């Protein structure tokens, strides 16, 4: 999938907030996220070699927050969950 589709997916209302990764940099597309989270996601994407991706996060509820990944290989998803737990709100 190319960067256009990840940008398109990041605009869909699949969760409470959405982060789009382009050229290894993270941008908030929907919802409120901290600059610390964007910086940490950018660092994790750069380390993992991810140039384009989308991460959707559902609103926290009784079962916690769920992250939906597009373009993030399964081997690196736990790293992004850890980043979100440490820097997310």
PDB file of N, CA and C in Angstrom:
ATOM      1  N   UNK A   1       0.850  -1.168   0.000  1.00  0.00           N
ATOM      2  CA  UNK A   1       0.000   0.000   0.000  1.00  0.00           C
ATOM      3  C   UNK A   1       0.900   1.238   0.000  1.00  0.00           C
ATOM      4  N   UNK A   2       0.516   2.263  -0.715  1.00  0.00           N
ATOM      5  CA  UNK A   2       1.373   3.448  -0.757  1.00  0.00           C
ATOM      6  C   UNK A   2       0.903   4.506   0.244  1.00  0.00           C
ATOM      7  N   UNK A   3       1.668   5.564   0.359  1.00  0.00           N
ATOM      8  CA  UNK A   3       1.422   6.597   1.358  1.00  0.00           C
ATOM      9  C   UNK A   3       0.048   7.247   1.195  1.00  0.00           C
ATOM     10  N   UNK A   4      -0.442   7.353  -0.030  1.00  0.00           N
ATOM     11  CA  UNK A   4      -1.760   7.949  -0.247  1.00  0.00           C
ATOM     12  C   UNK A   4      -2.840   7.190   0.522  1.00  0.00           C
ATOM     13  N   UNK A   5      -2.804   5.864   0.478  1.00  0.00           N
ATOM     14  CA  UNK A   5      -3.823   5.064   1.145  1.00  0.00           C
ATOM     15  C   UNK A   5      -3.705   5.155   2.659  1.00  0.00           C
ATOM     16  N   UNK A   6      -2.504   5.230   3.167  1.00  0.00           N
ATOM     17  CA  UNK A   6      -2.347   5.387   4.615  1.00  0.00           C
ATOM     18  C   UNK A   6      -2.882   6.737   5.064  1.00  0.00           C
ATOM     19  N   UNK A   7      -2.666   7.771   4.258  1.00  0.00           N
ATOM     20  CA  UNK A   7      -3.213   9.099   4.569  1.00  0.00           C
ATOM     21  C   UNK A   7      -4.729   9.050   4.535  1.00  0.00           C
ATOM     22  N   UNK A   8      -5.302   8.356   3.553  1.00  0.00           N
ATOM     23  CA  UNK A   8      -6.749   8.201   3.453  1.00  0.00           C
ATOM     24  C   UNK A   8      -7.297   7.469   4.676  1.00  0.00           C
ATOM     25  N   UNK A   9      -6.652   6.362   5.057  1.00  0.00           N
ATOM     26  CA  UNK A   9      -7.099   5.591   6.216  1.00  0.00           C
ATOM     27  C   UNK A   9      -7.004   6.389   7.512  1.00  0.00           C
ATOM     28  N   UNK A  10      -6.013   7.258   7.606  1.00  0.00           N
ATOM     29  CA  UNK A  10      -5.862   8.043   8.832  1.00  0.00           C
ATOM     30  C   UNK A  10      -7.000   9.043   9.012  1.00  0.00           C
ATOM     31  N   UNK A  11      -7.682   9.403   7.923  1.00  0.00           N
ATOM     32  CA  UNK A  11      -8.804  10.333   8.017  1.00  0.00           C
ATOM     33  C   UNK A  11     -10.132   9.677   8.339  1.00  0.00           C
ATOM     34  N   UNK A  12     -10.193   8.343   8.259  1.00  0.00           N
ATOM     35  CA  UNK A  12     -11.435   7.642   8.552  1.00  0.00           C
ATOM     36  C   UNK A  12     -11.705   7.627  10.053  1.00  0.00           C
ATOM     37  N   UNK A  13     -12.965   7.712  10.446  1.00  0.00           N
ATOM     38  CA  UNK A  13     -13.297   7.729  11.880  1.00  0.00           C
ATOM     39  C   UNK A  13     -13.341   6.324  12.477  1.00  0.00           C
ATOM     40  N   UNK A  14     -12.215   5.644  12.482  1.00  0.00           N
ATOM     41  CA  UNK A  14     -12.142   4.295  13.038  1.00  0.00           C
ATOM     42  C   UNK A  14     -11.840   4.312  14.530  1.00  0.00           C
ATOM     43  N   UNK A  15     -11.374   5.413  15.036  1.00  0.00           N
ATOM     44  CA  UNK A  15     -11.036   5.507  16.448  1.00  0.00           C
ATOM     45  C   UNK A  15     -11.143   6.929  16.945  1.00  0.00           C
ATOM     46  N   UNK A  16     -10.752   7.122  18.181  1.00  0.00           N
ATOM     47  CA  UNK A  16     -10.810   8.443  18.785  1.00  0.00           C
ATOM     48  C   UNK A  16      -9.725   9.371  18.269  1.00  0.00           C
ATOM     49  N   UNK A  17      -8.575   8.811  17.919  1.00  0.00           N
ATOM     50  CA  UNK A  17      -7.504   9.633  17.349  1.00  0.00           C
ATOM     51  C   UNK A  17      -6.737   8.810  16.321  1.00  0.00           C
ATOM     52  N   UNK A  18      -6.040   9.531  15.457  1.00  0.00           N
ATOM     53  CA  UNK A  18      -5.343   8.890  14.357  1.00  0.00           C
ATOM     54  C   UNK A  18      -3.998   9.574  14.135  1.00  0.00           C
ATOM     55  N   UNK A  19      -2.971   8.755  13.908  1.00  0.00           N
ATOM     56  CA  UNK A  19      -1.629   9.256  13.618  1.00  0.00           C
ATOM     57  C   UNK A  19      -1.209   8.723  12.254  1.00  0.00           C
ATOM     58  N   UNK A  20      -0.712   9.617  11.427  1.00  0.00           N
ATOM     59  CA  UNK A  20      -0.230   9.272  10.093  1.00  0.00           C
ATOM     60  C   UNK A  20       1.288   9.397  10.104  1.00  0.00           C
ATOM     61  N   UNK A  21       1.970   8.377   9.621  1.00  0.00           N
ATOM     62  CA  UNK A  21       3.427   8.386   9.550  1.00  0.00           C
ATOM     63  C   UNK A  21       3.825   8.544   8.092  1.00  0.00           C
ATOM     64  N   UNK A  22       4.580   9.601   7.801  1.00  0.00           N
ATOM     65  CA  UNK A  22       5.066   9.854   6.440  1.00  0.00           C
ATOM     66  C   UNK A  22       6.546  10.174   6.531  1.00  0.00           C
ATOM     67  N   UNK A  23       7.346   9.479   5.749  1.00  0.00           N
ATOM     68  CA  UNK A  23       8.799   9.657   5.744  1.00  0.00           C
ATOM     69  C   UNK A  23       9.388   9.550   7.148  1.00  0.00           C
ATOM     70  N   UNK A  24       8.824   8.641   7.946  1.00  0.00           N
ATOM     71  CA  UNK A  24       9.327   8.411   9.292  1.00  0.00           C
ATOM     72  C   UNK A  24       8.898   9.438  10.323  1.00  0.00           C
ATOM     73  N   UNK A  25       8.076  10.422   9.953  1.00  0.00           N
ATOM     74  CA  UNK A  25       7.587  11.436  10.902  1.00  0.00           C
ATOM     75  C   UNK A  25       6.117  11.209  11.178  1.00  0.00           C
ATOM     76  N   UNK A  26       5.711  11.370  12.428  1.00  0.00           N
ATOM     77  CA  UNK A  26       4.327  11.156  12.839  1.00  0.00           C
ATOM     78  C   UNK A  26       3.581  12.482  12.894  1.00  0.00           C
ATOM     79  N   UNK A  27       2.347  12.463  12.387  1.00  0.00           N
ATOM     80  CA  UNK A  27       1.474  13.639  12.385  1.00  0.00           C
ATOM     81  C   UNK A  27       0.118  13.237  12.952  1.00  0.00           C
ATOM     82  N   UNK A  28      -0.445  14.080  13.790  1.00  0.00           N
ATOM     83  CA  UNK A  28      -1.793  13.844  14.306  1.00  0.00           C
ATOM     84  C   UNK A  28      -2.796  14.286  13.248  1.00  0.00           C
ATOM     85  N   UNK A  29      -3.701  13.387  12.882  1.00  0.00           N
ATOM     86  CA  UNK A  29      -4.722  13.702  11.881  1.00  0.00           C
ATOM     87  C   UNK A  29      -6.061  13.935  12.554  1.00  0.00           C
ATOM     88  N   UNK A  30      -6.409  13.109  13.516  1.00  0.00           N
ATOM     89  CA  UNK A  30      -7.666  13.252  14.238  1.00  0.00           C
ATOM     90  C   UNK A  30      -7.382  13.093  15.716  1.00  0.00           C
ATOM     91  N   UNK A  31      -8.169  13.781  16.528  1.00  0.00           N
ATOM     92  CA  UNK A  31      -8.059  13.655  17.971  1.00  0.00           C
ATOM     93  C   UNK A  31      -6.911  14.464  18.545  1.00  0.00           C
ATOM     94  N   UNK A  32      -6.762  14.360  19.845  1.00  0.00           N
ATOM     95  CA  UNK A  32      -5.708  15.101  20.549  1.00  0.00           C
ATOM     96  C   UNK A  32      -4.639  14.124  21.025  1.00  0.00           C
ATOM     97  N   UNK A  33      -3.415  14.414  20.635  1.00  0.00           N
ATOM     98  CA  UNK A  33      -2.263  13.637  21.096  1.00  0.00           C
ATOM     99  C   UNK A  33      -1.175  14.617  21.514  1.00  0.00           C
ATOM    100  N   UNK A  34      -0.310  14.167  22.384  1.00  0.00           N
ATOM    101  CA  UNK A  34       0.750  15.040  22.869  1.00  0.00           C
ATOM    102  C   UNK A  34       1.925  15.061  21.889  1.00  0.00           C
ATOM    103  N   UNK A  35       2.708  16.105  21.971  1.00  0.00           N
ATOM    104  CA  UNK A  35       3.906  16.196  21.143  1.00  0.00           C
ATOM    105  C   UNK A  35       4.903  15.106  21.528  1.00  0.00           C
ATOM    106  N   UNK A  36       4.925  14.740  22.805  1.00  0.00           N
ATOM    107  CA  UNK A  36       5.815  13.667  23.261  1.00  0.00           C
ATOM    108  C   UNK A  36       5.457  12.343  22.584  1.00  0.00           C
ATOM    109  N   UNK A  37       4.164  12.068  22.416  1.00  0.00           N
ATOM    110  CA  UNK A  37       3.743  10.849  21.741  1.00  0.00           C
ATOM    111  C   UNK A  37       4.141  10.878  20.272  1.00  0.00           C
ATOM    112  N   UNK A  38       3.936  12.009  19.606  1.00  0.00           N
ATOM    113  CA  UNK A  38       4.316  12.114  18.193  1.00  0.00           C
ATOM    114  C   UNK A  38       5.819  11.928  18.001  1.00  0.00           C
ATOM    115  N   UNK A  39       6.603  12.505  18.895  1.00  0.00           N
ATOM    116  CA  UNK A  39       8.055  12.355  18.821  1.00  0.00           C
ATOM    117  C   UNK A  39       8.462  10.899  19.051  1.00  0.00           C
ATOM    118  N   UNK A  40       7.849  10.259  20.040  1.00  0.00           N
ATOM    119  CA  UNK A  40       8.182   8.867  20.337  1.00  0.00           C
ATOM    120  C   UNK A  40       7.763   7.935  19.190  1.00  0.00           C
ATOM    121  N   UNK A  41       6.596   8.184  18.589  1.00  0.00           N
ATOM    122  CA  UNK A  41       6.154   7.371  17.454  1.00  0.00           C
ATOM    123  C   UNK A  41       7.089   7.593  16.272  1.00  0.00           C
ATOM    124  N   UNK A  42       7.505   8.841  16.050  1.00  0.00           N
ATOM    125  CA  UNK A  42       8.454   9.129  14.963  1.00  0.00           C
ATOM    126  C   UNK A  42       9.760   8.373  15.174  1.00  0.00           C
ATOM    127  N   UNK A  43      10.260   8.375  16.398  1.00  0.00           N
ATOM    128  CA  UNK A  43      11.503   7.658  16.703  1.00  0.00           C
ATOM    129  C   UNK A  43      11.349   6.151  16.495  1.00  0.00           C
ATOM    130  N   UNK A  44      10.216   5.598  16.924  1.00  0.00           N
ATOM    131  CA  UNK A  44       9.977   4.166  16.754  1.00  0.00           C
ATOM    132  C   UNK A  44       9.844   3.810  15.274  1.00  0.00           C
ATOM    133  N   UNK A  45       9.179   4.663  14.501  1.00  0.00           N
ATOM    134  CA  UNK A  45       9.026   4.417  13.061  1.00  0.00           C
ATOM    135  C   UNK A  45      10.374   4.477  12.356  1.00  0.00           C
ATOM    136  N   UNK A  46      11.191   5.431  12.740  1.00  0.00           N
ATOM    137  CA  UNK A  46      12.519   5.550  12.132  1.00  0.00           C
ATOM    138  C   UNK A  46      13.373   4.330  12.465  1.00  0.00           C
ATOM    139  N   UNK A  47      13.327   3.894  13.710  1.00  0.00           N
ATOM    140  CA  UNK A  47      14.085   2.729  14.138  1.00  0.00           C
ATOM    141  C   UNK A  47      13.629   1.465  13.403  1.00  0.00           C
ATOM    142  N   UNK A  48      12.316   1.361  13.193  1.00  0.00           N
ATOM    143  CA  UNK A  48      11.759   0.186  12.526  1.00  0.00           C
ATOM    144  C   UNK A  48      11.856   0.270  11.004  1.00  0.00           C
ATOM    145  N   UNK A  49      12.252   1.422  10.475  1.00  0.00           N
ATOM    146  CA  UNK A  49      12.357   1.587   9.034  1.00  0.00           C
ATOM    147  C   UNK A  49      11.022   1.747   8.342  1.00  0.00           C
ATOM    148  N   UNK A  50      10.042   2.277   9.050  1.00  0.00           N
ATOM    149  CA  UNK A  50       8.696   2.467   8.494  1.00  0.00           C
ATOM    150  C   UNK A  50       8.615   3.872   7.915  1.00  0.00           C
ATOM    151  N   UNK A  51       8.353   3.960   6.620  1.00  0.00           N
ATOM    152  CA  UNK A  51       8.280   5.277   5.978  1.00  0.00           C
ATOM    153  C   UNK A  51       6.851   5.779   5.861  1.00  0.00           C
ATOM    154  N   UNK A  52       5.862   4.885   5.791  1.00  0.00           N
ATOM    155  CA  UNK A  52       4.466   5.294   5.691  1.00  0.00           C
ATOM    156  C   UNK A  52       3.597   4.286   6.422  1.00  0.00           C
ATOM    157  N   UNK A  53       2.692   4.792   7.260  1.00  0.00           N
ATOM    158  CA  UNK A  53       1.792   3.927   8.022  1.00  0.00           C
ATOM    159  C   UNK A  53       0.701   4.783   8.656  1.00  0.00           C
ATOM    160  N   UNK A  54      -0.246   4.114   9.269  1.00  0.00           N
ATOM    161  CA  UNK A  54      -1.337   4.780   9.973  1.00  0.00           C
ATOM    162  C   UNK A  54      -1.622   3.991  11.241  1.00  0.00           C
ATOM    163  N   UNK A  55      -1.845   4.706  12.339  1.00  0.00           N
ATOM    164  CA  UNK A  55      -2.232   4.080  13.601  1.00  0.00           C
ATOM    165  C   UNK A  55      -3.501   4.768  14.078  1.00  0.00           C
ATOM    166  N   UNK A  56      -4.550   3.989  14.271  1.00  0.00           N
ATOM    167  CA  UNK A  56      -5.815   4.488  14.807  1.00  0.00           C
ATOM    168  C   UNK A  56      -5.927   3.996  16.246  1.00  0.00           C
ATOM    169  N   UNK A  57      -6.399   4.851  17.132  1.00  0.00           N
ATOM    170  CA  UNK A  57      -6.578   4.469  18.529  1.00  0.00           C
ATOM    171  C   UNK A  57      -8.023   4.712  18.936  1.00  0.00           C
ATOM    172  N   UNK A  58      -8.644   3.693  19.519  1.00  0.00           N
ATOM    173  CA  UNK A  58     -10.010   3.859  20.002  1.00  0.00           C
ATOM    174  C   UNK A  58      -9.973   4.629  21.311  1.00  0.00           C
ATOM    175  N   UNK A  59     -11.098   5.182  21.667  1.00  0.00           N
ATOM    176  CA  UNK A  59     -11.203   5.891  22.942  1.00  0.00           C
ATOM    177  C   UNK A  59     -11.094   4.883  24.075  1.00  0.00           C
ATOM    178  N   UNK A  60     -10.448   5.286  25.178  1.00  0.00           N
ATOM    179  CA  UNK A  60     -10.307   4.340  26.283  1.00  0.00           C
ATOM    180  C   UNK A  60     -11.674   4.012  26.877  1.00  0.00           C
ATOM    181  N   UNK A  61     -11.874   2.755  27.156  1.00  0.00           N
ATOM    182  CA  UNK A  61     -13.135   2.315  27.739  1.00  0.00           C
ATOM    183  C   UNK A  61     -12.856   1.317  28.852  1.00  0.00           C
ATOM    184  N   UNK A  62     -13.834   0.469  29.114  1.00  0.00           N
ATOM    185  CA  UNK A  62     -13.685  -0.531  30.176  1.00  0.00           C
ATOM    186  C   UNK A  62     -12.549  -1.509  29.877  1.00  0.00           C
ATOM    187  N   UNK A  63     -12.341  -1.806  28.605  1.00  0.00           N
ATOM    188  CA  UNK A  63     -11.298  -2.770  28.237  1.00  0.00           C
ATOM    189  C   UNK A  63      -9.990  -2.096  27.867  1.00  0.00           C
ATOM    190  N   UNK A  64      -9.903  -0.799  28.028  1.00  0.00           N
ATOM    191  CA  UNK A  64      -8.682  -0.068  27.693  1.00  0.00           C
ATOM    192  C   UNK A  64      -8.726   0.471  26.285  1.00  0.00           C
ATOM    193  N   UNK A  65      -7.604   0.916  25.791  1.00  0.00           N
ATOM    194  CA  UNK A  65      -7.491   1.501  24.460  1.00  0.00           C
ATOM    195  C   UNK A  65      -7.026   0.428  23.484  1.00  0.00           C
ATOM    196  N   UNK A  66      -7.592   0.441  22.289  1.00  0.00           N
ATOM    197  CA  UNK A  66      -7.196  -0.513  21.259  1.00  0.00           C
ATOM    198  C   UNK A  66      -6.533   0.247  20.124  1.00  0.00           C
ATOM    199  N   UNK A  67      -5.390  -0.243  19.662  1.00  0.00           N
ATOM    200  CA  UNK A  67      -4.684   0.356  18.539  1.00  0.00           C
ATOM    201  C   UNK A  67      -4.910  -0.486  17.296  1.00  0.00           C
ATOM    202  N   UNK A  68      -5.205   0.192  16.188  1.00  0.00           N
ATOM    203  CA  UNK A  68      -5.409  -0.462  14.902  1.00  0.00           C
ATOM    204  C   UNK A  68      -4.277   0.005  13.998  1.00  0.00           C
ATOM    205  N   UNK A  69      -3.520  -0.938  13.449  1.00  0.00           N
ATOM    206  CA  UNK A  69      -2.324  -0.617  12.670  1.00  0.00           C
ATOM    207  C   UNK A  69      -2.550  -0.874  11.183  1.00  0.00           C
ATOM    208  N   UNK A  70      -2.103   0.062  10.363  1.00  0.00           N
ATOM    209  CA  UNK A  70      -2.057  -0.103   8.918  1.00  0.00           C
ATOM    210  C   UNK A  70      -0.629   0.222   8.483  1.00  0.00           C
ATOM    211  N   UNK A  71       0.058  -0.725   7.890  1.00  0.00           N
ATOM    212  CA  UNK A  71       1.411  -0.490   7.410  1.00  0.00           C
ATOM    213  C   UNK A  71       2.503  -0.732   8.430  1.00  0.00           C
ATOM    214  N   UNK A  72       2.143  -1.195   9.619  1.00  0.00           N
ATOM    215  CA  UNK A  72       3.140  -1.513  10.648  1.00  0.00           C
ATOM    216  C   UNK A  72       3.266  -3.030  10.695  1.00  0.00           C
ATOM    217  N   UNK A  73       4.452  -3.572  10.383  1.00  0.00           N
ATOM    218  CA  UNK A  73       4.631  -5.023  10.431  1.00  0.00           C
ATOM    219  C   UNK A  73       4.332  -5.584  11.823  1.00  0.00           C
ATOM    220  N   UNK A  74       3.828  -6.795  11.856  1.00  0.00           N
ATOM    221  CA  UNK A  74       3.442  -7.429  13.122  1.00  0.00           C
ATOM    222  C   UNK A  74       4.595  -7.480  14.121  1.00  0.00           C
ATOM    223  N   UNK A  75       5.819  -7.600  13.646  1.00  0.00           N
ATOM    224  CA  UNK A  75       6.976  -7.672  14.536  1.00  0.00           C
ATOM    225  C   UNK A  75       7.200  -6.384  15.325  1.00  0.00           C
ATOM    226  N   UNK A  76       6.698  -5.263  14.826  1.00  0.00           N
ATOM    227  CA  UNK A  76       6.953  -3.974  15.465  1.00  0.00           C
ATOM    228  C   UNK A  76       5.735  -3.401  16.190  1.00  0.00           C
ATOM    229  N   UNK A  77       4.609  -4.063  16.134  1.00  0.00           N
ATOM    230  CA  UNK A  77       3.389  -3.511  16.740  1.00  0.00           C
ATOM    231  C   UNK A  77       3.495  -3.371  18.252  1.00  0.00           C
ATOM    232  N   UNK A  78       4.122  -4.335  18.910  1.00  0.00           N
ATOM    233  CA  UNK A  78       4.254  -4.232  20.365  1.00  0.00           C
ATOM    234  C   UNK A  78       5.088  -3.017  20.757  1.00  0.00           C
ATOM    235  N   UNK A  79       6.074  -2.689  19.960  1.00  0.00           N
ATOM    236  CA  UNK A  79       6.894  -1.508  20.228  1.00  0.00           C
ATOM    237  C   UNK A  79       6.026  -0.247  20.229  1.00  0.00           C
ATOM    238  N   UNK A  80       5.106  -0.150  19.266  1.00  0.00           N
ATOM    239  CA  UNK A  80       4.225   1.009  19.196  1.00  0.00           C
ATOM    240  C   UNK A  80       3.197   1.001  20.328  1.00  0.00           C
ATOM    241  N   UNK A  81       2.744  -0.181  20.746  1.00  0.00           N
ATOM    242  CA  UNK A  81       1.851  -0.252  21.906  1.00  0.00           C
ATOM    243  C   UNK A  81       2.569   0.249  23.163  1.00  0.00           C
ATOM    244  N   UNK A  82       3.826  -0.142  23.315  1.00  0.00           N
ATOM    245  CA  UNK A  82       4.609   0.318  24.461  1.00  0.00           C
ATOM    246  C   UNK A  82       4.807   1.825  24.448  1.00  0.00           C
ATOM    247  N   UNK A  83       5.090   2.368  23.268  1.00  0.00           N
ATOM    248  CA  UNK A  83       5.262   3.815  23.124  1.00  0.00           C
ATOM    249  C   UNK A  83       3.982   4.528  23.503  1.00  0.00           C
ATOM    250  N   UNK A  84       2.848   4.001  23.028  1.00  0.00           N
ATOM    251  CA  UNK A  84       1.558   4.633  23.323  1.00  0.00           C
ATOM    252  C   UNK A  84       1.255   4.559  24.819  1.00  0.00           C
ATOM    253  N   UNK A  85       1.563   3.436  25.445  1.00  0.00           N
ATOM    254  CA  UNK A  85       1.322   3.299  26.891  1.00  0.00           C
ATOM    255  C   UNK A  85       2.187   4.264  27.693  1.00  0.00           C
ATOM    256  N   UNK A  86       3.408   4.500  27.234  1.00  0.00           N
ATOM    257  CA  UNK A  86       4.324   5.369  27.969  1.00  0.00           C
ATOM    258  C   UNK A  86       4.044   6.866  27.730  1.00  0.00           C
ATOM    259  N   UNK A  87       3.619   7.219  26.509  1.00  0.00           N
ATOM    260  CA  UNK A  87       3.489   8.631  26.173  1.00  0.00           C
ATOM    261  C   UNK A  87       2.074   9.083  25.843  1.00  0.00           C
ATOM    262  N   UNK A  88       1.164   8.135  25.663  1.00  0.00           N
ATOM    263  CA  UNK A  88      -0.230   8.488  25.345  1.00  0.00           C
ATOM    264  C   UNK A  88      -0.937   9.043  26.560  1.00  0.00           C
ATOM    265  N   UNK A  89      -2.102   9.586  26.327  1.00  0.00           N
ATOM    266  CA  UNK A  89      -2.839  10.144  27.466  1.00  0.00           C
ATOM    267  C   UNK A  89      -3.909   9.221  27.922  1.00  0.00           C
TER     268      UNK A  89
END
